Amino acid sequence: MSPNSNQTTLNREIVVDGLWRNNPVFRQVLGICSTLAVTNLVLNTLVMCICLTLVTALSCLTVSLLRKWTPRNIRMMVQTLIIAFYVIIVDLILKAYWPGMSRNLGPYVGLIITNCIIMGRCEAFAGSHEPLPSLMDGLFNGLGYSFLLLTISVFRELFGMGTILGWGVPYFSTYWDKWIIMVMPPGAFFTLACVIWFCRGYRQKSEGAA
């Protein structure tokens, strides 16, 4: 098999793993803090997903670029510093250009530093792979995380407020009896459990059919 074929296969595996097969939320159950905290509104969730995806991709790229010069006994400290660097940049940009959203998200942008998804990908993949595959791995794990969070936030805002991105949805905004619990913490646990149950059930069914 040629090197190009091997690289294509690796890239395909990275995409499928990040988006579905090894999804960080429903498969590994990581990043649950932000999953439960910011998914009551779709707009908040979208901004949080963009922030985390950028930090994950750039952190994995940087860890990969520095992997040959990073002493193994301090690699976790170096990875944490790299992640913190990108989180601070994202947080400052958000505070400077969108202070209202920064207040809405509260401390959760800063807490990206402690998100297990980023540290997990830096340690498990970026520390032992070339920069481009590492960038792709971080990007598609971030997108896999975003897919689940946005799905949860759509259901929570729709059933809890009758809106999507603040816009009223026909029937839900007029006749639907709003489920206030959906925009409260118990609604986050309930919706997350249902989405994980559905995704895992669908995966088992599709694998069984194959």
N, C-alpha and C. Protein backbone atom coordinates (compact mmCIF):
# COMPACT_ATOMS: atom_id res chain seq x y z
N MET A 1 0.85 -1.19 0.00
CA MET A 1 0.00 0.00 0.00
C MET A 1 0.89 1.25 0.00
N SER A 2 0.57 2.22 -0.87
CA SER A 2 1.39 3.41 -1.01
C SER A 2 1.22 4.33 0.19
N PRO A 3 2.22 5.23 0.42
CA PRO A 3 2.11 6.20 1.53
C PRO A 3 0.87 7.07 1.41
N ASN A 4 0.51 7.45 0.17
CA ASN A 4 -0.69 8.27 -0.02
C ASN A 4 -1.95 7.54 0.41
N SER A 5 -2.00 6.25 0.11
CA SER A 5 -3.15 5.45 0.52
C SER A 5 -3.22 5.34 2.04
N ASN A 6 -2.07 5.15 2.67
CA ASN A 6 -2.03 5.08 4.13
C ASN A 6 -2.50 6.39 4.76
N GLN A 7 -2.07 7.52 4.18
CA GLN A 7 -2.45 8.83 4.70
C GLN A 7 -3.95 9.06 4.52
N THR A 8 -4.47 8.66 3.36
CA THR A 8 -5.91 8.81 3.10
C THR A 8 -6.72 7.99 4.08
N THR A 9 -6.27 6.75 4.33
CA THR A 9 -6.96 5.89 5.29
C THR A 9 -6.93 6.49 6.68
N LEU A 10 -5.76 7.02 7.09
CA LEU A 10 -5.64 7.66 8.41
C LEU A 10 -6.57 8.86 8.52
N ASN A 11 -6.61 9.69 7.47
CA ASN A 11 -7.48 10.87 7.49
C ASN A 11 -8.94 10.48 7.61
N ARG A 12 -9.32 9.41 6.89
CA ARG A 12 -10.71 8.94 6.96
C ARG A 12 -11.03 8.43 8.36
N GLU A 13 -10.09 7.71 8.95
CA GLU A 13 -10.29 7.21 10.31
C GLU A 13 -10.44 8.37 11.31
N ILE A 14 -9.63 9.41 11.14
CA ILE A 14 -9.70 10.57 12.04
C ILE A 14 -11.07 11.23 11.95
N VAL A 15 -11.56 11.42 10.74
CA VAL A 15 -12.86 12.08 10.54
C VAL A 15 -13.98 11.25 11.16
N VAL A 16 -14.01 9.96 10.85
CA VAL A 16 -15.09 9.09 11.33
C VAL A 16 -15.04 8.97 12.86
N ASP A 17 -13.83 8.81 13.41
CA ASP A 17 -13.69 8.69 14.86
C ASP A 17 -14.17 9.95 15.57
N GLY A 18 -13.75 11.11 15.09
CA GLY A 18 -14.11 12.36 15.76
C GLY A 18 -15.58 12.68 15.69
N LEU A 19 -16.18 12.45 14.52
CA LEU A 19 -17.58 12.81 14.34
C LEU A 19 -18.54 11.77 14.89
N TRP A 20 -18.15 10.48 14.84
CA TRP A 20 -19.14 9.47 15.19
C TRP A 20 -18.59 8.32 16.02
N ARG A 21 -17.67 7.54 15.47
CA ARG A 21 -17.30 6.26 16.07
C ARG A 21 -16.71 6.42 17.47
N ASN A 22 -15.92 7.47 17.69
CA ASN A 22 -15.31 7.69 19.00
C ASN A 22 -15.68 9.09 19.51
N ASN A 23 -16.93 9.48 19.23
CA ASN A 23 -17.39 10.83 19.58
C ASN A 23 -17.11 11.15 21.05
N PRO A 24 -16.53 12.33 21.35
CA PRO A 24 -16.12 12.62 22.73
C PRO A 24 -17.26 12.73 23.73
N VAL A 25 -18.49 13.02 23.26
CA VAL A 25 -19.61 13.19 24.19
C VAL A 25 -20.38 11.89 24.38
N PHE A 26 -20.99 11.36 23.32
CA PHE A 26 -21.86 10.19 23.53
C PHE A 26 -21.08 8.88 23.63
N ARG A 27 -19.84 8.85 23.13
CA ARG A 27 -19.07 7.62 23.20
C ARG A 27 -18.14 7.60 24.42
N GLN A 28 -17.40 8.72 24.63
CA GLN A 28 -16.45 8.79 25.74
C GLN A 28 -17.01 9.50 26.97
N VAL A 29 -18.15 10.19 26.79
CA VAL A 29 -18.79 10.95 27.87
C VAL A 29 -17.80 11.93 28.50
N LEU A 30 -17.19 12.76 27.65
CA LEU A 30 -16.27 13.81 28.08
C LEU A 30 -16.89 15.18 27.82
N GLY A 31 -16.37 16.19 28.49
CA GLY A 31 -16.86 17.55 28.28
C GLY A 31 -18.27 17.78 28.77
N ILE A 32 -18.68 17.03 29.79
CA ILE A 32 -20.07 17.08 30.24
C ILE A 32 -20.38 18.40 30.96
N CYS A 33 -19.39 19.03 31.58
CA CYS A 33 -19.63 20.28 32.31
C CYS A 33 -20.24 21.33 31.38
N SER A 34 -19.58 21.61 30.27
CA SER A 34 -20.12 22.60 29.33
C SER A 34 -21.37 22.09 28.63
N THR A 35 -21.45 20.77 28.42
CA THR A 35 -22.63 20.20 27.78
C THR A 35 -23.88 20.53 28.58
N LEU A 36 -23.78 20.46 29.89
CA LEU A 36 -24.94 20.70 30.75
C LEU A 36 -25.12 22.18 31.06
N ALA A 37 -24.06 22.97 30.97
CA ALA A 37 -24.12 24.36 31.46
C ALA A 37 -24.62 25.35 30.41
N VAL A 38 -24.24 25.20 29.14
CA VAL A 38 -24.51 26.26 28.17
C VAL A 38 -25.52 25.87 27.10
N THR A 39 -26.13 24.70 27.19
CA THR A 39 -26.98 24.23 26.10
C THR A 39 -28.45 24.64 26.24
N ASN A 40 -28.76 25.60 27.12
CA ASN A 40 -30.15 26.05 27.22
C ASN A 40 -30.52 26.99 26.08
N LEU A 41 -29.52 27.61 25.42
CA LEU A 41 -29.76 28.49 24.27
C LEU A 41 -28.83 28.08 23.13
N VAL A 42 -29.37 28.02 21.92
CA VAL A 42 -28.60 27.58 20.76
C VAL A 42 -27.44 28.53 20.47
N LEU A 43 -27.68 29.85 20.59
CA LEU A 43 -26.62 30.81 20.28
C LEU A 43 -25.44 30.66 21.24
N ASN A 44 -25.73 30.55 22.52
CA ASN A 44 -24.65 30.33 23.50
C ASN A 44 -23.87 29.06 23.18
N THR A 45 -24.60 28.02 22.83
CA THR A 45 -23.97 26.74 22.51
C THR A 45 -23.09 26.85 21.28
N LEU A 46 -23.58 27.55 20.25
CA LEU A 46 -22.82 27.70 19.01
C LEU A 46 -21.49 28.41 19.27
N VAL A 47 -21.53 29.48 20.05
CA VAL A 47 -20.29 30.22 20.36
C VAL A 47 -19.34 29.34 21.17
N MET A 48 -19.88 28.62 22.14
CA MET A 48 -19.04 27.74 22.96
C MET A 48 -18.40 26.66 22.09
N CYS A 49 -19.15 26.11 21.15
CA CYS A 49 -18.63 25.06 20.27
C CYS A 49 -17.50 25.59 19.38
N ILE A 50 -17.69 26.80 18.85
CA ILE A 50 -16.64 27.40 18.02
C ILE A 50 -15.37 27.61 18.83
N CYS A 51 -15.53 28.14 20.06
CA CYS A 51 -14.37 28.36 20.92
C CYS A 51 -13.64 27.06 21.21
N LEU A 52 -14.38 26.02 21.61
CA LEU A 52 -13.72 24.77 21.96
C LEU A 52 -13.07 24.10 20.74
N THR A 53 -13.74 24.15 19.60
CA THR A 53 -13.19 23.53 18.40
C THR A 53 -11.89 24.21 17.98
N LEU A 54 -11.87 25.55 18.02
CA LEU A 54 -10.64 26.27 17.68
C LEU A 54 -9.51 25.94 18.65
N VAL A 55 -9.82 25.94 19.94
CA VAL A 55 -8.80 25.65 20.95
C VAL A 55 -8.27 24.22 20.79
N THR A 56 -9.17 23.27 20.56
CA THR A 56 -8.76 21.87 20.41
C THR A 56 -7.87 21.69 19.19
N ALA A 57 -8.28 22.24 18.05
CA ALA A 57 -7.51 22.07 16.83
C ALA A 57 -6.13 22.73 16.94
N LEU A 58 -6.08 23.97 17.43
CA LEU A 58 -4.82 24.68 17.53
C LEU A 58 -3.90 24.08 18.60
N SER A 59 -4.48 23.62 19.69
CA SER A 59 -3.67 22.99 20.74
C SER A 59 -3.05 21.70 20.24
N CYS A 60 -3.83 20.87 19.54
CA CYS A 60 -3.30 19.62 19.01
C CYS A 60 -2.20 19.89 17.98
N LEU A 61 -2.40 20.90 17.15
CA LEU A 61 -1.37 21.26 16.17
C LEU A 61 -0.07 21.68 16.86
N THR A 62 -0.19 22.53 17.88
CA THR A 62 0.99 23.03 18.58
C THR A 62 1.71 21.91 19.34
N VAL A 63 0.94 21.05 20.01
CA VAL A 63 1.54 19.93 20.74
C VAL A 63 2.30 19.03 19.77
N SER A 64 1.73 18.79 18.59
CA SER A 64 2.40 17.95 17.60
C SER A 64 3.69 18.60 17.10
N LEU A 65 3.64 19.92 16.86
CA LEU A 65 4.83 20.62 16.38
C LEU A 65 5.97 20.58 17.39
N LEU A 66 5.61 20.58 18.68
CA LEU A 66 6.63 20.63 19.75
C LEU A 66 6.94 19.26 20.35
N ARG A 67 6.33 18.20 19.82
CA ARG A 67 6.43 16.89 20.48
C ARG A 67 7.86 16.37 20.59
N LYS A 68 8.71 16.67 19.60
CA LYS A 68 10.08 16.14 19.61
C LYS A 68 10.99 16.92 20.56
N TRP A 69 10.55 18.11 20.96
CA TRP A 69 11.36 18.94 21.86
C TRP A 69 10.79 19.01 23.28
N THR A 70 9.70 18.28 23.52
CA THR A 70 9.05 18.32 24.83
C THR A 70 9.51 17.13 25.67
N PRO A 71 10.21 17.34 26.77
CA PRO A 71 10.60 16.21 27.65
C PRO A 71 9.37 15.45 28.12
N ARG A 72 9.44 14.15 28.10
CA ARG A 72 8.27 13.33 28.40
C ARG A 72 7.77 13.55 29.83
N ASN A 73 8.68 13.81 30.76
CA ASN A 73 8.26 13.93 32.16
C ASN A 73 7.52 15.23 32.46
N ILE A 74 7.55 16.21 31.54
CA ILE A 74 6.80 17.45 31.78
C ILE A 74 5.78 17.72 30.66
N ARG A 75 5.49 16.69 29.86
CA ARG A 75 4.63 16.91 28.70
C ARG A 75 3.23 17.38 29.09
N MET A 76 2.68 16.88 30.22
CA MET A 76 1.34 17.28 30.63
C MET A 76 1.31 18.76 31.01
N MET A 77 2.36 19.23 31.65
CA MET A 77 2.45 20.66 32.00
C MET A 77 2.53 21.52 30.74
N VAL A 78 3.32 21.07 29.77
CA VAL A 78 3.46 21.81 28.52
C VAL A 78 2.12 21.85 27.78
N GLN A 79 1.43 20.72 27.74
CA GLN A 79 0.14 20.67 27.07
C GLN A 79 -0.86 21.61 27.73
N THR A 80 -0.86 21.63 29.07
CA THR A 80 -1.78 22.51 29.79
C THR A 80 -1.48 23.98 29.49
N LEU A 81 -0.20 24.33 29.43
CA LEU A 81 0.18 25.71 29.13
C LEU A 81 -0.23 26.09 27.70
N ILE A 82 -0.08 25.17 26.77
CA ILE A 82 -0.48 25.44 25.38
C ILE A 82 -1.99 25.67 25.31
N ILE A 83 -2.75 24.79 25.95
CA ILE A 83 -4.21 24.93 25.95
C ILE A 83 -4.61 26.25 26.60
N ALA A 84 -3.99 26.57 27.74
CA ALA A 84 -4.31 27.82 28.44
C ALA A 84 -4.02 29.04 27.56
N PHE A 85 -2.94 29.00 26.80
CA PHE A 85 -2.58 30.10 25.91
C PHE A 85 -3.71 30.38 24.92
N TYR A 86 -4.21 29.33 24.26
CA TYR A 86 -5.27 29.53 23.27
C TYR A 86 -6.60 29.90 23.93
N VAL A 87 -6.88 29.35 25.09
CA VAL A 87 -8.12 29.69 25.79
C VAL A 87 -8.12 31.17 26.17
N ILE A 88 -7.00 31.67 26.66
CA ILE A 88 -6.90 33.08 27.05
C ILE A 88 -7.12 33.99 25.83
N ILE A 89 -6.53 33.63 24.69
CA ILE A 89 -6.72 34.41 23.48
C ILE A 89 -8.19 34.45 23.09
N VAL A 90 -8.83 33.28 23.06
CA VAL A 90 -10.25 33.20 22.69
C VAL A 90 -11.10 34.00 23.66
N ASP A 91 -10.82 33.87 24.95
CA ASP A 91 -11.59 34.57 25.98
C ASP A 91 -11.44 36.08 25.84
N LEU A 92 -10.22 36.56 25.59
CA LEU A 92 -9.99 38.00 25.44
C LEU A 92 -10.69 38.55 24.19
N ILE A 93 -10.64 37.79 23.10
CA ILE A 93 -11.32 38.22 21.87
C ILE A 93 -12.83 38.33 22.11
N LEU A 94 -13.38 37.34 22.80
CA LEU A 94 -14.81 37.34 23.09
C LEU A 94 -15.19 38.53 23.98
N LYS A 95 -14.39 38.79 25.00
CA LYS A 95 -14.66 39.92 25.89
C LYS A 95 -14.54 41.26 25.17
N ALA A 96 -13.61 41.34 24.23
CA ALA A 96 -13.39 42.60 23.52
C ALA A 96 -14.46 42.89 22.48
N TYR A 97 -14.88 41.86 21.74
CA TYR A 97 -15.76 42.09 20.60
C TYR A 97 -17.21 41.64 20.84
N TRP A 98 -17.45 40.85 21.87
CA TRP A 98 -18.82 40.41 22.15
C TRP A 98 -18.98 40.27 23.67
N PRO A 99 -18.92 41.38 24.41
CA PRO A 99 -18.96 41.31 25.87
C PRO A 99 -20.25 40.71 26.42
N GLY A 100 -21.37 40.94 25.72
CA GLY A 100 -22.63 40.36 26.17
C GLY A 100 -22.60 38.84 26.17
N MET A 101 -22.05 38.27 25.09
CA MET A 101 -21.93 36.81 25.02
C MET A 101 -20.94 36.30 26.05
N SER A 102 -19.87 37.05 26.27
CA SER A 102 -18.89 36.66 27.28
C SER A 102 -19.54 36.58 28.66
N ARG A 103 -20.43 37.53 28.96
CA ARG A 103 -21.15 37.48 30.24
C ARG A 103 -22.12 36.32 30.28
N ASN A 104 -22.77 36.02 29.15
CA ASN A 104 -23.72 34.90 29.11
C ASN A 104 -23.03 33.56 29.39
N LEU A 105 -21.85 33.40 28.82
CA LEU A 105 -21.11 32.14 29.00
C LEU A 105 -20.41 32.07 30.35
N GLY A 106 -20.23 33.23 30.97
CA GLY A 106 -19.65 33.26 32.32
C GLY A 106 -18.26 32.62 32.33
N PRO A 107 -18.02 31.73 33.31
CA PRO A 107 -16.67 31.15 33.45
C PRO A 107 -16.40 29.99 32.51
N TYR A 108 -17.38 29.59 31.71
CA TYR A 108 -17.24 28.32 30.99
C TYR A 108 -16.26 28.39 29.83
N VAL A 109 -16.02 29.57 29.25
CA VAL A 109 -14.96 29.67 28.24
C VAL A 109 -13.61 29.44 28.89
N GLY A 110 -13.38 30.07 30.04
CA GLY A 110 -12.12 29.86 30.76
C GLY A 110 -11.93 28.42 31.19
N LEU A 111 -13.04 27.73 31.49
CA LEU A 111 -12.94 26.35 31.93
C LEU A 111 -12.66 25.37 30.79
N ILE A 112 -12.58 25.88 29.56
CA ILE A 112 -12.14 25.01 28.46
C ILE A 112 -10.76 24.43 28.77
N ILE A 113 -9.97 25.16 29.55
CA ILE A 113 -8.63 24.68 29.93
C ILE A 113 -8.71 23.30 30.57
N THR A 114 -9.76 23.08 31.36
CA THR A 114 -9.90 21.81 32.09
C THR A 114 -10.70 20.77 31.33
N ASN A 115 -11.10 21.08 30.10
CA ASN A 115 -11.93 20.15 29.34
C ASN A 115 -11.13 18.90 28.98
N CYS A 116 -11.65 17.76 29.36
CA CYS A 116 -10.94 16.48 29.14
C CYS A 116 -10.75 16.15 27.67
N ILE A 117 -11.63 16.67 26.82
CA ILE A 117 -11.51 16.36 25.40
C ILE A 117 -10.19 16.87 24.85
N ILE A 118 -9.83 18.10 25.18
CA ILE A 118 -8.62 18.70 24.62
C ILE A 118 -7.37 17.99 25.14
N MET A 119 -7.29 17.85 26.45
CA MET A 119 -6.13 17.18 27.02
C MET A 119 -6.04 15.74 26.53
N GLY A 120 -7.18 15.08 26.39
CA GLY A 120 -7.19 13.70 25.91
C GLY A 120 -6.65 13.57 24.51
N ARG A 121 -7.05 14.48 23.60
CA ARG A 121 -6.58 14.40 22.23
C ARG A 121 -5.11 14.78 22.12
N CYS A 122 -4.68 15.78 22.92
CA CYS A 122 -3.26 16.16 22.92
C CYS A 122 -2.39 14.99 23.38
N GLU A 123 -2.84 14.30 24.41
CA GLU A 123 -2.05 13.21 24.99
C GLU A 123 -2.13 11.94 24.13
N ALA A 124 -3.34 11.61 23.68
CA ALA A 124 -3.54 10.33 23.00
C ALA A 124 -3.13 10.37 21.53
N PHE A 125 -3.20 11.53 20.89
CA PHE A 125 -2.97 11.57 19.44
C PHE A 125 -1.87 12.55 19.05
N ALA A 126 -2.02 13.82 19.43
CA ALA A 126 -1.11 14.85 18.93
C ALA A 126 0.33 14.63 19.38
N GLY A 127 0.52 14.05 20.55
CA GLY A 127 1.86 13.84 21.07
C GLY A 127 2.67 12.80 20.32
N SER A 128 2.02 12.05 19.42
CA SER A 128 2.73 10.98 18.71
C SER A 128 2.45 10.97 17.21
N HIS A 129 1.83 12.03 16.68
CA HIS A 129 1.50 12.08 15.25
C HIS A 129 1.98 13.39 14.63
N GLU A 130 2.01 13.41 13.31
CA GLU A 130 2.44 14.57 12.55
C GLU A 130 1.44 15.73 12.72
N PRO A 131 1.87 16.97 12.42
CA PRO A 131 1.01 18.14 12.66
C PRO A 131 -0.33 18.12 11.93
N LEU A 132 -0.35 17.79 10.63
CA LEU A 132 -1.59 17.85 9.88
C LEU A 132 -2.64 16.87 10.39
N PRO A 133 -2.29 15.58 10.57
CA PRO A 133 -3.28 14.68 11.18
C PRO A 133 -3.71 15.12 12.57
N SER A 134 -2.80 15.70 13.34
CA SER A 134 -3.15 16.17 14.68
C SER A 134 -4.14 17.33 14.62
N LEU A 135 -3.92 18.25 13.67
CA LEU A 135 -4.86 19.35 13.47
C LEU A 135 -6.24 18.81 13.08
N MET A 136 -6.27 17.83 12.18
CA MET A 136 -7.54 17.24 11.77
C MET A 136 -8.22 16.53 12.93
N ASP A 137 -7.44 15.82 13.73
CA ASP A 137 -8.00 15.10 14.88
C ASP A 137 -8.65 16.08 15.86
N GLY A 138 -7.95 17.16 16.17
CA GLY A 138 -8.52 18.16 17.07
C GLY A 138 -9.76 18.81 16.48
N LEU A 139 -9.70 19.13 15.19
CA LEU A 139 -10.82 19.78 14.52
C LEU A 139 -12.06 18.90 14.53
N PHE A 140 -11.92 17.64 14.14
CA PHE A 140 -13.10 16.78 14.00
C PHE A 140 -13.61 16.27 15.35
N ASN A 141 -12.75 16.19 16.35
CA ASN A 141 -13.26 15.91 17.69
C ASN A 141 -14.05 17.10 18.22
N GLY A 142 -13.58 18.32 17.90
CA GLY A 142 -14.34 19.50 18.26
C GLY A 142 -15.68 19.56 17.54
N LEU A 143 -15.68 19.19 16.27
CA LEU A 143 -16.94 19.18 15.51
C LEU A 143 -17.89 18.09 16.02
N GLY A 144 -17.33 16.93 16.43
CA GLY A 144 -18.17 15.89 17.01
C GLY A 144 -18.81 16.35 18.30
N TYR A 145 -18.03 17.03 19.13
CA TYR A 145 -18.55 17.65 20.35
C TYR A 145 -19.64 18.66 20.02
N SER A 146 -19.39 19.49 19.00
CA SER A 146 -20.35 20.54 18.62
C SER A 146 -21.65 19.94 18.12
N PHE A 147 -21.56 18.86 17.36
CA PHE A 147 -22.77 18.21 16.83
C PHE A 147 -23.71 17.79 17.95
N LEU A 148 -23.16 17.17 18.98
CA LEU A 148 -23.99 16.72 20.10
C LEU A 148 -24.54 17.89 20.90
N LEU A 149 -23.69 18.90 21.17
CA LEU A 149 -24.14 20.05 21.96
C LEU A 149 -25.23 20.83 21.24
N LEU A 150 -25.07 21.03 19.94
CA LEU A 150 -26.08 21.77 19.20
C LEU A 150 -27.39 21.00 19.12
N THR A 151 -27.31 19.69 19.00
CA THR A 151 -28.52 18.87 19.01
C THR A 151 -29.26 19.02 20.34
N ILE A 152 -28.53 18.94 21.42
CA ILE A 152 -29.13 19.10 22.75
C ILE A 152 -29.74 20.49 22.92
N SER A 153 -29.01 21.52 22.48
CA SER A 153 -29.49 22.89 22.69
C SER A 153 -30.73 23.19 21.85
N VAL A 154 -30.83 22.61 20.65
CA VAL A 154 -32.02 22.81 19.82
C VAL A 154 -33.25 22.28 20.54
N PHE A 155 -33.16 21.07 21.06
CA PHE A 155 -34.31 20.49 21.78
C PHE A 155 -34.63 21.30 23.03
N ARG A 156 -33.61 21.72 23.79
CA ARG A 156 -33.85 22.44 25.04
C ARG A 156 -34.50 23.80 24.78
N GLU A 157 -33.98 24.55 23.83
CA GLU A 157 -34.56 25.87 23.56
C GLU A 157 -35.94 25.75 22.93
N LEU A 158 -36.10 24.79 22.02
CA LEU A 158 -37.39 24.63 21.34
C LEU A 158 -38.50 24.26 22.32
N PHE A 159 -38.27 23.22 23.13
CA PHE A 159 -39.31 22.78 24.06
C PHE A 159 -39.42 23.68 25.29
N GLY A 160 -38.32 24.35 25.65
CA GLY A 160 -38.36 25.18 26.84
C GLY A 160 -38.83 26.60 26.59
N MET A 161 -38.54 27.14 25.37
CA MET A 161 -38.90 28.53 25.08
C MET A 161 -39.71 28.71 23.81
N GLY A 162 -39.78 27.66 23.00
CA GLY A 162 -40.52 27.77 21.74
C GLY A 162 -39.78 28.54 20.66
N THR A 163 -38.45 28.68 20.82
CA THR A 163 -37.67 29.45 19.86
C THR A 163 -36.42 28.66 19.43
N ILE A 164 -35.81 29.12 18.34
CA ILE A 164 -34.50 28.65 17.90
C ILE A 164 -33.69 29.89 17.54
N LEU A 165 -32.55 30.07 18.19
CA LEU A 165 -31.74 31.26 18.01
C LEU A 165 -32.53 32.54 18.30
N GLY A 166 -33.49 32.41 19.22
CA GLY A 166 -34.29 33.56 19.62
C GLY A 166 -35.48 33.84 18.73
N TRP A 167 -35.61 33.11 17.63
CA TRP A 167 -36.73 33.31 16.71
C TRP A 167 -37.84 32.31 17.03
N GLY A 168 -39.07 32.81 17.08
CA GLY A 168 -40.20 31.94 17.38
C GLY A 168 -40.42 30.90 16.30
N VAL A 169 -40.70 29.67 16.71
CA VAL A 169 -40.97 28.56 15.80
C VAL A 169 -42.49 28.36 15.75
N PRO A 170 -43.08 28.30 14.53
CA PRO A 170 -44.52 28.10 14.44
C PRO A 170 -45.00 26.92 15.29
N TYR A 171 -46.13 27.10 15.89
CA TYR A 171 -46.77 26.18 16.83
C TYR A 171 -46.09 26.21 18.19
N PHE A 172 -44.78 26.03 18.25
CA PHE A 172 -44.09 26.00 19.53
C PHE A 172 -44.12 27.36 20.23
N SER A 173 -44.07 28.46 19.46
CA SER A 173 -44.05 29.78 20.06
C SER A 173 -45.44 30.29 20.41
N THR A 174 -46.49 29.63 19.89
CA THR A 174 -47.85 30.12 20.13
C THR A 174 -48.70 29.15 20.94
N TYR A 175 -48.74 27.88 20.53
CA TYR A 175 -49.64 26.92 21.17
C TYR A 175 -48.95 25.98 22.15
N TRP A 176 -47.65 25.81 21.99
CA TRP A 176 -46.94 24.84 22.83
C TRP A 176 -46.87 25.33 24.27
N ASP A 177 -47.21 24.46 25.22
CA ASP A 177 -47.08 24.78 26.64
C ASP A 177 -45.62 24.57 27.04
N LYS A 178 -44.91 25.67 27.23
CA LYS A 178 -43.45 25.63 27.41
C LYS A 178 -43.05 24.73 28.59
N TRP A 179 -42.07 23.87 28.34
CA TRP A 179 -41.51 23.03 29.39
C TRP A 179 -40.34 23.77 30.03
N ILE A 180 -40.60 24.54 31.05
CA ILE A 180 -39.57 25.36 31.67
C ILE A 180 -38.42 24.50 32.20
N ILE A 181 -38.74 23.28 32.57
CA ILE A 181 -37.69 22.40 33.10
C ILE A 181 -36.60 22.14 32.07
N MET A 182 -36.94 22.29 30.78
CA MET A 182 -35.95 22.01 29.73
C MET A 182 -34.80 23.03 29.72
N VAL A 183 -35.02 24.24 30.20
CA VAL A 183 -33.95 25.23 30.25
C VAL A 183 -33.32 25.30 31.63
N MET A 184 -33.68 24.37 32.50
CA MET A 184 -33.10 24.26 33.83
C MET A 184 -32.14 23.07 33.86
N PRO A 185 -31.27 22.98 34.87
CA PRO A 185 -30.29 21.87 34.92
C PRO A 185 -30.89 20.47 34.76
N PRO A 186 -32.05 20.14 35.37
CA PRO A 186 -32.60 18.79 35.15
C PRO A 186 -32.90 18.51 33.68
N GLY A 187 -33.32 19.54 32.94
CA GLY A 187 -33.59 19.36 31.52
C GLY A 187 -32.34 19.01 30.74
N ALA A 188 -31.20 19.56 31.17
CA ALA A 188 -29.93 19.25 30.51
C ALA A 188 -29.58 17.78 30.70
N PHE A 189 -29.72 17.27 31.93
CA PHE A 189 -29.42 15.86 32.19
C PHE A 189 -30.35 14.95 31.39
N PHE A 190 -31.64 15.29 31.38
CA PHE A 190 -32.63 14.48 30.68
C PHE A 190 -32.34 14.43 29.17
N THR A 191 -32.09 15.60 28.57
CA THR A 191 -31.85 15.66 27.13
C THR A 191 -30.55 14.96 26.76
N LEU A 192 -29.49 15.18 27.55
CA LEU A 192 -28.21 14.50 27.30
C LEU A 192 -28.39 12.99 27.34
N ALA A 193 -29.09 12.50 28.33
CA ALA A 193 -29.31 11.05 28.46
C ALA A 193 -30.06 10.51 27.25
N CYS A 194 -31.08 11.23 26.78
CA CYS A 194 -31.86 10.78 25.63
C CYS A 194 -31.02 10.76 24.36
N VAL A 195 -30.19 11.80 24.17
CA VAL A 195 -29.36 11.87 22.96
C VAL A 195 -28.31 10.75 22.97
N ILE A 196 -27.67 10.51 24.13
CA ILE A 196 -26.69 9.43 24.23
C ILE A 196 -27.36 8.08 23.98
N TRP A 197 -28.53 7.89 24.58
CA TRP A 197 -29.27 6.63 24.38
C TRP A 197 -29.59 6.42 22.90
N PHE A 198 -30.07 7.46 22.22
CA PHE A 198 -30.42 7.34 20.81
C PHE A 198 -29.19 7.04 19.96
N CYS A 199 -28.11 7.80 20.17
CA CYS A 199 -26.90 7.63 19.35
C CYS A 199 -26.28 6.25 19.54
N ARG A 200 -26.20 5.80 20.80
CA ARG A 200 -25.62 4.48 21.05
C ARG A 200 -26.53 3.37 20.50
N GLY A 201 -27.84 3.55 20.64
CA GLY A 201 -28.77 2.55 20.10
C GLY A 201 -28.70 2.47 18.59
N TYR A 202 -28.62 3.62 17.95
CA TYR A 202 -28.53 3.64 16.49
C TYR A 202 -27.22 3.00 16.03
N ARG A 203 -26.14 3.29 16.76
CA ARG A 203 -24.85 2.72 16.37
C ARG A 203 -24.86 1.20 16.50
N GLN A 204 -25.39 0.70 17.62
CA GLN A 204 -25.44 -0.75 17.81
C GLN A 204 -26.31 -1.41 16.74
N LYS A 205 -27.42 -0.74 16.38
CA LYS A 205 -28.30 -1.30 15.36
C LYS A 205 -27.61 -1.32 14.00
N SER A 206 -26.92 -0.23 13.66
CA SER A 206 -26.24 -0.16 12.36
C SER A 206 -25.09 -1.14 12.28
N GLU A 207 -24.35 -1.32 13.38
CA GLU A 207 -23.26 -2.28 13.40
C GLU A 207 -23.78 -3.70 13.32
N GLY A 208 -24.93 -3.95 13.97
CA GLY A 208 -25.53 -5.29 13.91
C GLY A 208 -26.00 -5.61 12.51
N ALA A 209 -26.56 -4.60 11.82
CA ALA A 209 -27.04 -4.81 10.46
C ALA A 209 -25.89 -5.07 9.50
N ALA A 210 -24.73 -4.42 9.79
CA ALA A 210 -23.55 -4.59 8.94
C ALA A 210 -22.95 -5.97 9.12
